[in-house]
Amino acid sequence: MVKCSTESQEAIIKGWLMGKTREEIANENFVSTGSVSNIIKGWKTELGTLAADEVREFVITLRRAGMTPLQCARGFRILSILNDLGFFEDNIEIFALRMFRTCKNIGLQPDKIALHVKELVDLTEKVPLDQISEYITINKGGKIRTRS
């Protein structure tokens, strides 16, 4: 077996995780296909074969979807936040699509949503939610007045 540097071993494992064949990895790293197999086998043993295969499948799936691990992590964080707010997987997509369509129809840019939600929350601290519509109607033309 050819002795490889840590850097070469990492490149071989990375190639394998990305779904490349043993032959592609061997050619790119100037080693034999047997060395590629041995390095991957050793890494799988350290990590656990099932975990290594799952990581590889995950990376391949991300690549096919045109998504980076960072984008996937961000999506997971957003999903976690929505779950904490009481949304569940079966209704998150419906919520997001309805929110997007509504914002698009009224000309509200996505980056302004959080700002306007905060403004609404701040306003509800001064005006009861069931009275906001009336409050807005009364205060359309002039300076906004709140009840103390």
C-alpha atoms as a PDB file:
ATOM      1  CA  MET A   1       0.000   0.000   0.000  1.00  0.00           C
ATOM      2  CA  VAL A   2       1.242   3.486  -0.914  1.00  0.00           C
ATOM      3  CA  LYS A   3       1.728   5.795   2.048  1.00  0.00           C
ATOM      4  CA  CYS A   4      -0.231   9.045   1.489  1.00  0.00           C
ATOM      5  CA  SER A   5       0.038  12.364   3.237  1.00  0.00           C
ATOM      6  CA  THR A   6      -2.834  13.520   5.403  1.00  0.00           C
ATOM      7  CA  GLU A   7      -3.660  16.094   2.735  1.00  0.00           C
ATOM      8  CA  SER A   8      -3.874  13.370   0.055  1.00  0.00           C
ATOM      9  CA  GLN A   9      -6.007  11.176   2.275  1.00  0.00           C
ATOM     10  CA  GLU A  10      -8.404  14.079   2.874  1.00  0.00           C
ATOM     11  CA  ALA A  11      -8.609  14.749  -0.880  1.00  0.00           C
ATOM     12  CA  ILE A  12      -9.372  11.065  -1.511  1.00  0.00           C
ATOM     13  CA  ILE A  13     -12.093  10.982   1.141  1.00  0.00           C
ATOM     14  CA  LYS A  14     -13.543  14.252  -0.137  1.00  0.00           C
ATOM     15  CA  GLY A  15     -13.661  12.853  -3.668  1.00  0.00           C
ATOM     16  CA  TRP A  16     -15.416   9.734  -2.409  1.00  0.00           C
ATOM     17  CA  LEU A  17     -17.919  11.808  -0.418  1.00  0.00           C
ATOM     18  CA  MET A  18     -18.693  13.815  -3.551  1.00  0.00           C
ATOM     19  CA  GLY A  19     -19.632  10.589  -5.341  1.00  0.00           C
ATOM     20  CA  LYS A  20     -16.587  10.200  -7.568  1.00  0.00           C
ATOM     21  CA  THR A  21     -15.540   6.719  -8.677  1.00  0.00           C
ATOM     22  CA  ARG A  22     -12.433   5.014  -7.334  1.00  0.00           C
ATOM     23  CA  GLU A  23     -10.831   5.425 -10.754  1.00  0.00           C
ATOM     24  CA  GLU A  24     -11.513   9.186 -10.862  1.00  0.00           C
ATOM     25  CA  ILE A  25     -10.154   9.617  -7.341  1.00  0.00           C
ATOM     26  CA  ALA A  26      -7.062   7.530  -8.092  1.00  0.00           C
ATOM     27  CA  ASN A  27      -6.288   9.500 -11.270  1.00  0.00           C
ATOM     28  CA  GLU A  28      -6.789  12.877  -9.558  1.00  0.00           C
ATOM     29  CA  ASN A  29      -4.560  11.939  -6.618  1.00  0.00           C
ATOM     30  CA  PHE A  30      -1.909   9.880  -8.462  1.00  0.00           C
ATOM     31  CA  VAL A  31      -2.525   6.714  -6.428  1.00  0.00           C
ATOM     32  CA  SER A  32      -3.820   3.248  -7.254  1.00  0.00           C
ATOM     33  CA  THR A  33      -7.487   2.315  -6.990  1.00  0.00           C
ATOM     34  CA  GLY A  34      -6.449  -0.131  -4.271  1.00  0.00           C
ATOM     35  CA  SER A  35      -4.957   2.718  -2.235  1.00  0.00           C
ATOM     36  CA  VAL A  36      -8.185   4.672  -2.677  1.00  0.00           C
ATOM     37  CA  SER A  37     -10.180   1.671  -1.421  1.00  0.00           C
ATOM     38  CA  ASN A  38      -7.859   1.174   1.550  1.00  0.00           C
ATOM     39  CA  ILE A  39      -7.968   4.840   2.580  1.00  0.00           C
ATOM     40  CA  ILE A  40     -11.765   4.939   2.336  1.00  0.00           C
ATOM     41  CA  LYS A  41     -12.039   1.632   4.208  1.00  0.00           C
ATOM     42  CA  GLY A  42      -9.787   2.949   7.002  1.00  0.00           C
ATOM     43  CA  TRP A  43     -11.804   6.169   7.256  1.00  0.00           C
ATOM     44  CA  LYS A  44     -15.076   4.211   7.334  1.00  0.00           C
ATOM     45  CA  THR A  45     -13.697   2.023  10.102  1.00  0.00           C
ATOM     46  CA  GLU A  46     -12.765   5.082  12.159  1.00  0.00           C
ATOM     47  CA  LEU A  47     -16.106   6.772  11.552  1.00  0.00           C
ATOM     48  CA  GLY A  48     -18.303   3.708  11.321  1.00  0.00           C
ATOM     49  CA  THR A  49     -19.313   2.285   7.952  1.00  0.00           C
ATOM     50  CA  LEU A  50     -22.995   3.186   8.232  1.00  0.00           C
ATOM     51  CA  ALA A  51     -22.231   6.794   9.192  1.00  0.00           C
ATOM     52  CA  ALA A  52     -19.702   7.156   6.354  1.00  0.00           C
ATOM     53  CA  ASP A  53     -22.184   5.825   3.792  1.00  0.00           C
ATOM     54  CA  GLU A  54     -24.885   8.149   5.125  1.00  0.00           C
ATOM     55  CA  VAL A  55     -22.551  11.165   4.920  1.00  0.00           C
ATOM     56  CA  ARG A  56     -21.671  10.254   1.324  1.00  0.00           C
ATOM     57  CA  GLU A  57     -25.319   9.836   0.332  1.00  0.00           C
ATOM     58  CA  PHE A  58     -26.152  13.155   1.990  1.00  0.00           C
ATOM     59  CA  VAL A  59     -23.404  15.024   0.124  1.00  0.00           C
ATOM     60  CA  ILE A  60     -24.396  13.439  -3.193  1.00  0.00           C
ATOM     61  CA  THR A  61     -28.041  14.375  -2.609  1.00  0.00           C
ATOM     62  CA  LEU A  62     -27.094  17.965  -1.818  1.00  0.00           C
ATOM     63  CA  ARG A  63     -24.958  18.179  -4.935  1.00  0.00           C
ATOM     64  CA  ARG A  64     -27.757  16.810  -7.126  1.00  0.00           C
ATOM     65  CA  ALA A  65     -30.123  19.386  -5.630  1.00  0.00           C
ATOM     66  CA  GLY A  66     -27.618  22.160  -6.351  1.00  0.00           C
ATOM     67  CA  MET A  67     -27.385  22.966  -2.657  1.00  0.00           C
ATOM     68  CA  THR A  68     -24.371  23.542  -0.445  1.00  0.00           C
ATOM     69  CA  PRO A  69     -24.045  22.171   3.091  1.00  0.00           C
ATOM     70  CA  LEU A  70     -24.241  25.794   4.350  1.00  0.00           C
ATOM     71  CA  GLN A  71     -27.567  26.332   2.566  1.00  0.00           C
ATOM     72  CA  CYS A  72     -28.832  23.072   4.009  1.00  0.00           C
ATOM     73  CA  ALA A  73     -27.773  24.119   7.517  1.00  0.00           C
ATOM     74  CA  ARG A  74     -29.542  27.472   7.117  1.00  0.00           C
ATOM     75  CA  GLY A  75     -32.695  25.703   5.974  1.00  0.00           C
ATOM     76  CA  PHE A  76     -32.501  23.410   8.988  1.00  0.00           C
ATOM     77  CA  ARG A  77     -32.145  26.397  11.341  1.00  0.00           C
ATOM     78  CA  ILE A  78     -35.171  28.078   9.748  1.00  0.00           C
ATOM     79  CA  LEU A  79     -37.166  24.848  10.039  1.00  0.00           C
ATOM     80  CA  SER A  80     -36.196  24.597  13.719  1.00  0.00           C
ATOM     81  CA  ILE A  81     -37.294  28.181  14.369  1.00  0.00           C
ATOM     82  CA  LEU A  82     -40.632  27.585  12.648  1.00  0.00           C
ATOM     83  CA  ASN A  83     -41.124  24.369  14.645  1.00  0.00           C
ATOM     84  CA  ASP A  84     -40.464  26.346  17.838  1.00  0.00           C
ATOM     85  CA  LEU A  85     -43.156  28.823  16.718  1.00  0.00           C
ATOM     86  CA  GLY A  86     -45.690  26.011  16.445  1.00  0.00           C
ATOM     87  CA  PHE A  87     -45.404  25.128  12.767  1.00  0.00           C
ATOM     88  CA  PHE A  88     -44.961  21.532  11.752  1.00  0.00           C
ATOM     89  CA  GLU A  89     -43.459  20.064   8.605  1.00  0.00           C
ATOM     90  CA  ASP A  90     -46.822  19.430   6.968  1.00  0.00           C
ATOM     91  CA  ASN A  91     -47.862  23.091   7.174  1.00  0.00           C
ATOM     92  CA  ILE A  92     -44.540  24.980   6.913  1.00  0.00           C
ATOM     93  CA  GLU A  93     -44.432  24.727   3.125  1.00  0.00           C
ATOM     94  CA  ILE A  94     -48.036  25.890   2.805  1.00  0.00           C
ATOM     95  CA  PHE A  95     -47.327  28.799   5.160  1.00  0.00           C
ATOM     96  CA  ALA A  96     -44.178  29.820   3.260  1.00  0.00           C
ATOM     97  CA  LEU A  97     -45.896  29.668  -0.131  1.00  0.00           C
ATOM     98  CA  ARG A  98     -48.910  31.652   1.066  1.00  0.00           C
ATOM     99  CA  MET A  99     -46.660  34.227   2.734  1.00  0.00           C
ATOM    100  CA  PHE A 100     -44.560  34.577  -0.418  1.00  0.00           C
ATOM    101  CA  ARG A 101     -47.583  34.910  -2.707  1.00  0.00           C
ATOM    102  CA  THR A 102     -49.291  37.432  -0.446  1.00  0.00           C
ATOM    103  CA  CYS A 103     -46.140  39.544  -0.131  1.00  0.00           C
ATOM    104  CA  LYS A 104     -45.597  39.401  -3.892  1.00  0.00           C
ATOM    105  CA  ASN A 105     -49.214  40.445  -4.550  1.00  0.00           C
ATOM    106  CA  ILE A 106     -48.956  43.475  -2.282  1.00  0.00           C
ATOM    107  CA  GLY A 107     -45.436  44.385  -3.419  1.00  0.00           C
ATOM    108  CA  LEU A 108     -43.736  43.622  -0.090  1.00  0.00           C
ATOM    109  CA  GLN A 109     -40.106  42.584  -0.489  1.00  0.00           C
ATOM    110  CA  PRO A 110     -39.059  39.542   1.598  1.00  0.00           C
ATOM    111  CA  ASP A 111     -36.323  41.507   3.373  1.00  0.00           C
ATOM    112  CA  LYS A 112     -38.949  43.925   4.731  1.00  0.00           C
ATOM    113  CA  ILE A 113     -41.179  41.259   6.312  1.00  0.00           C
ATOM    114  CA  ALA A 114     -39.249  41.048   9.591  1.00  0.00           C
ATOM    115  CA  LEU A 115     -39.137  44.839   9.869  1.00  0.00           C
ATOM    116  CA  HIS A 116     -42.898  45.171   9.419  1.00  0.00           C
ATOM    117  CA  VAL A 117     -43.662  42.294  11.784  1.00  0.00           C
ATOM    118  CA  LYS A 118     -41.542  44.031  14.436  1.00  0.00           C
ATOM    119  CA  GLU A 119     -43.411  47.291  13.816  1.00  0.00           C
ATOM    120  CA  LEU A 120     -46.705  45.445  14.231  1.00  0.00           C
ATOM    121  CA  VAL A 121     -45.528  43.810  17.464  1.00  0.00           C
ATOM    122  CA  ASP A 122     -44.390  47.202  18.779  1.00  0.00           C
ATOM    123  CA  LEU A 123     -47.754  48.711  17.846  1.00  0.00           C
ATOM    124  CA  THR A 124     -49.684  45.936  19.603  1.00  0.00           C
ATOM    125  CA  GLU A 125     -47.899  46.886  22.812  1.00  0.00           C
ATOM    126  CA  LYS A 126     -49.637  50.276  22.575  1.00  0.00           C
ATOM    127  CA  VAL A 127     -52.899  49.392  20.813  1.00  0.00           C
ATOM    128  CA  PRO A 128     -54.894  46.181  21.357  1.00  0.00           C
ATOM    129  CA  LEU A 129     -54.732  43.919  18.291  1.00  0.00           C
ATOM    130  CA  ASP A 130     -58.494  43.985  17.735  1.00  0.00           C
ATOM    131  CA  GLN A 131     -58.363  47.809  17.541  1.00  0.00           C
ATOM    132  CA  ILE A 132     -55.431  48.204  15.131  1.00  0.00           C
ATOM    133  CA  SER A 133     -57.599  48.511  12.009  1.00  0.00           C
ATOM    134  CA  GLU A 134     -59.643  51.317  13.585  1.00  0.00           C
ATOM    135  CA  TYR A 135     -56.459  52.934  14.918  1.00  0.00           C
ATOM    136  CA  ILE A 136     -54.866  52.955  11.447  1.00  0.00           C
ATOM    137  CA  THR A 137     -58.022  54.427   9.886  1.00  0.00           C
ATOM    138  CA  ILE A 138     -58.148  57.228  12.454  1.00  0.00           C
ATOM    139  CA  ASN A 139     -54.418  58.005  12.154  1.00  0.00           C
ATOM    140  CA  LYS A 140     -53.948  57.729   8.364  1.00  0.00           C
ATOM    141  CA  GLY A 141     -53.585  61.416   7.654  1.00  0.00           C
ATOM    142  CA  GLY A 142     -51.601  62.726  10.571  1.00  0.00           C
ATOM    143  CA  LYS A 143     -49.057  61.973  13.191  1.00  0.00           C
ATOM    144  CA  ILE A 144     -49.553  58.606  14.850  1.00  0.00           C
ATOM    145  CA  ARG A 145     -51.002  58.845  18.341  1.00  0.00           C
ATOM    146  CA  THR A 146     -50.989  55.983  20.781  1.00  0.00           C
ATOM    147  CA  ARG A 147     -52.947  55.379  23.918  1.00  0.00           C
ATOM    148  CA  SER A 148     -50.940  55.465  27.102  1.00  0.00           C
END
